[in-house]
């Protein structure tokens, strides 16, 4: 009697197992097909470091701003000078798949330290293209991003002539 029940249940067990495997296969396929395409990864390459160019702080100081276009302006007694190094924004190349949405997160204000003493505060500014943006070039081409900043300059006594340097941070986020 035992053998007869096992003989009857054996094909039923095999059929049930086969049906379950088919359902699991179908469910797995449905999950894979329903996921959005992998947008890939994003990489940023520094092409050019930011430089405010030569300037004079004057008696009271003020601000010196460089736009992503490279245009420079000042407030207060800060006087931009057209000698020495040219003022340029920071330039990065972004490597991401075409159609990717990228946003930029600016880091905190930083302090630039002078070679002859003194310090200045720098606030990271706007970008071109404006954040967020969508990449429009096909890899291996890269999307060029320019970033400006504003430098708060003290008086000439507080900020003696010299080279001021520091490190700032921006994060490129793949949305």
Protein backbone atom coordinates (compact mmCIF):
# COMPACT_ATOMS: atom_id res chain seq x y z
CA UNK A 1 0.00 0.00 0.00
CA UNK A 2 2.87 2.35 0.79
CA UNK A 3 4.40 1.84 -2.60
CA UNK A 4 1.13 2.61 -4.36
CA UNK A 5 0.69 5.96 -2.52
CA UNK A 6 4.33 6.92 -3.21
CA UNK A 7 3.87 5.93 -6.86
CA UNK A 8 0.77 8.12 -7.07
CA UNK A 9 2.35 11.09 -5.17
CA UNK A 10 5.67 11.01 -7.05
CA UNK A 11 4.30 12.42 -10.36
CA UNK A 12 2.21 14.96 -8.43
CA UNK A 13 5.31 16.15 -6.51
CA UNK A 14 7.30 16.44 -9.76
CA UNK A 15 4.50 18.39 -11.41
CA UNK A 16 4.11 20.72 -8.43
CA UNK A 17 7.88 21.31 -8.35
CA UNK A 18 7.96 22.04 -12.08
CA UNK A 19 5.07 24.53 -11.75
CA UNK A 20 6.80 26.27 -8.81
CA UNK A 21 10.07 26.56 -10.77
CA UNK A 22 8.19 28.05 -13.74
CA UNK A 23 6.50 30.60 -11.47
CA UNK A 24 9.82 31.54 -9.83
CA UNK A 25 11.40 31.93 -13.25
CA UNK A 26 8.52 34.15 -14.41
CA UNK A 27 8.65 36.29 -11.25
CA UNK A 28 12.41 36.78 -11.55
CA UNK A 29 12.13 37.77 -15.17
CA UNK A 30 9.37 40.26 -14.36
CA UNK A 31 11.55 41.88 -11.69
CA UNK A 32 14.53 42.24 -13.99
CA UNK A 33 12.43 43.69 -16.82
CA UNK A 34 10.73 46.20 -14.53
CA UNK A 35 14.00 47.81 -13.31
CA UNK A 36 15.11 51.02 -15.06
CA UNK A 37 18.26 50.90 -17.15
CA UNK A 38 21.54 51.32 -15.34
CA UNK A 39 22.60 54.97 -15.75
CA UNK A 40 26.20 53.94 -15.24
CA UNK A 41 28.71 55.87 -13.21
CA UNK A 42 29.85 59.47 -13.15
CA UNK A 43 33.45 60.65 -13.11
CA UNK A 44 34.75 64.21 -12.78
CA UNK A 45 38.10 65.38 -14.10
CA UNK A 46 39.74 68.68 -13.10
CA UNK A 47 40.70 70.54 -16.26
CA UNK A 48 41.57 73.94 -14.80
CA UNK A 49 42.00 75.26 -11.27
CA UNK A 50 40.24 78.48 -10.29
CA UNK A 51 42.32 81.65 -10.25
CA UNK A 52 41.12 85.16 -9.34
CA UNK A 53 44.00 86.88 -11.17
CA UNK A 54 45.91 89.86 -9.83
CA UNK A 55 44.14 92.52 -7.78
CA UNK A 56 44.69 95.15 -5.13
CA UNK A 57 42.75 94.98 -1.85
CA UNK A 58 42.71 98.76 -1.33
CA UNK A 59 42.14 100.47 2.03
CA UNK A 60 38.86 98.78 3.00
CA UNK A 61 38.72 95.55 0.96
CA UNK A 62 35.51 94.15 -0.51
CA UNK A 63 34.76 91.22 -2.80
CA UNK A 64 36.13 89.81 -6.02
CA UNK A 65 33.82 87.58 -8.03
CA UNK A 66 34.60 85.35 -10.98
CA UNK A 67 31.63 84.03 -12.93
CA UNK A 68 31.59 80.65 -14.72
CA UNK A 69 32.08 82.61 -17.97
CA UNK A 70 35.38 84.00 -16.65
CA UNK A 71 34.01 87.53 -16.17
CA UNK A 72 35.48 89.20 -13.09
CA UNK A 73 33.91 91.96 -10.99
CA UNK A 74 34.66 93.63 -7.68
CA UNK A 75 33.05 95.63 -4.87
CA UNK A 76 34.47 97.98 -2.24
CA UNK A 77 38.05 99.12 -2.75
CA UNK A 78 39.14 95.86 -4.43
CA UNK A 79 40.67 96.73 -7.79
CA UNK A 80 41.10 93.95 -10.40
CA UNK A 81 44.43 94.31 -12.22
CA UNK A 82 45.15 93.11 -15.75
CA UNK A 83 48.70 91.98 -15.04
CA UNK A 84 50.14 88.56 -14.30
CA UNK A 85 47.87 85.53 -14.29
CA UNK A 86 44.47 85.76 -15.98
CA UNK A 87 41.34 85.22 -13.88
CA UNK A 88 39.66 81.89 -14.74
CA UNK A 89 36.84 79.79 -13.27
CA UNK A 90 37.35 76.18 -12.21
CA UNK A 91 36.70 73.80 -15.10
CA UNK A 92 35.72 70.15 -14.81
CA UNK A 93 34.87 67.53 -17.41
CA UNK A 94 32.03 65.19 -16.44
CA UNK A 95 32.01 61.68 -17.84
CA UNK A 96 28.48 60.24 -17.71
CA UNK A 97 26.11 58.57 -20.14
CA UNK A 98 24.17 60.87 -22.46
CA UNK A 99 20.87 61.93 -20.90
CA UNK A 100 22.05 61.55 -17.30
CA UNK A 101 20.82 64.17 -14.82
CA UNK A 102 23.68 65.63 -12.80
CA UNK A 103 23.43 68.00 -9.84
CA UNK A 104 26.25 69.89 -8.17
CA UNK A 105 26.60 70.19 -4.39
CA UNK A 106 28.94 73.00 -3.39
CA UNK A 107 31.12 72.42 -0.37
CA UNK A 108 31.39 74.90 2.51
CA UNK A 109 33.13 78.26 2.30
CA UNK A 110 36.88 77.89 2.57
CA UNK A 111 39.77 79.97 3.82
CA UNK A 112 42.60 80.86 1.46
CA UNK A 113 45.91 81.33 3.26
CA UNK A 114 48.45 83.91 2.05
CA UNK A 115 52.14 83.27 1.44
CA UNK A 116 52.97 86.51 3.31
CA UNK A 117 50.30 86.19 6.01
CA UNK A 118 46.62 87.03 5.91
CA UNK A 119 43.64 84.98 4.85
CA UNK A 120 40.53 85.40 2.71
CA UNK A 121 37.21 83.60 2.61
CA UNK A 122 35.97 82.04 -0.64
CA UNK A 123 32.35 81.12 -1.39
CA UNK A 124 31.77 78.70 -4.29
CA UNK A 125 29.36 80.22 -6.78
CA UNK A 126 27.24 79.30 -9.75
CA UNK A 127 28.01 76.78 -12.46
CA UNK A 128 27.60 76.65 -16.22
CA UNK A 129 25.62 74.62 -17.09
CA UNK A 130 23.35 75.50 -14.19
CA UNK A 131 22.76 72.67 -11.70
CA UNK A 132 20.97 70.35 -12.22
CA UNK A 133 21.70 69.68 -15.87
CA UNK A 134 21.33 66.81 -18.33
CA UNK A 135 24.37 65.53 -20.20
CA UNK A 136 23.96 65.98 -23.94
CA UNK A 137 27.08 64.33 -25.35
CA UNK A 138 27.68 60.70 -26.15
CA UNK A 139 30.63 59.00 -24.42
CA UNK A 140 33.61 59.11 -24.86
CA UNK A 141 32.92 62.88 -25.08
CA UNK A 142 32.52 64.69 -21.75
CA UNK A 143 30.32 67.51 -20.49
CA UNK A 144 32.31 70.62 -19.58
CA UNK A 145 31.31 72.38 -16.33
CA UNK A 146 32.62 75.78 -15.24
CA UNK A 147 32.29 76.98 -11.64
CA UNK A 148 32.82 80.49 -10.30
CA UNK A 149 33.28 81.89 -6.79
CA UNK A 150 33.35 85.03 -4.68
CA UNK A 151 36.39 86.01 -2.65
CA UNK A 152 35.95 88.23 0.43
CA UNK A 153 39.02 90.43 0.66
CA UNK A 154 40.10 92.39 3.74
CA UNK A 155 42.07 95.62 3.72
CA UNK A 156 45.58 95.69 2.30
CA UNK A 157 46.94 95.61 5.87
CA UNK A 158 44.93 92.45 6.64
CA UNK A 159 45.68 90.86 3.25
CA UNK A 160 49.25 91.71 2.22
CA UNK A 161 50.32 91.01 -1.38
CA UNK A 162 51.29 87.40 -2.07
CA UNK A 163 49.91 84.12 -3.31
CA UNK A 164 46.76 82.87 -1.59
CA UNK A 165 45.79 79.24 -1.89
CA UNK A 166 43.32 76.68 -0.57
CA UNK A 167 41.26 73.68 -1.56
CA UNK A 168 37.53 73.70 -2.23
CA UNK A 169 35.12 70.84 -2.74
CA UNK A 170 32.23 70.26 -5.12
CA UNK A 171 30.33 67.01 -5.52
CA UNK A 172 28.78 65.90 -8.81
CA UNK A 173 25.73 63.75 -8.13
CA UNK A 174 24.20 61.38 -10.66
CA UNK A 175 20.44 61.69 -10.13
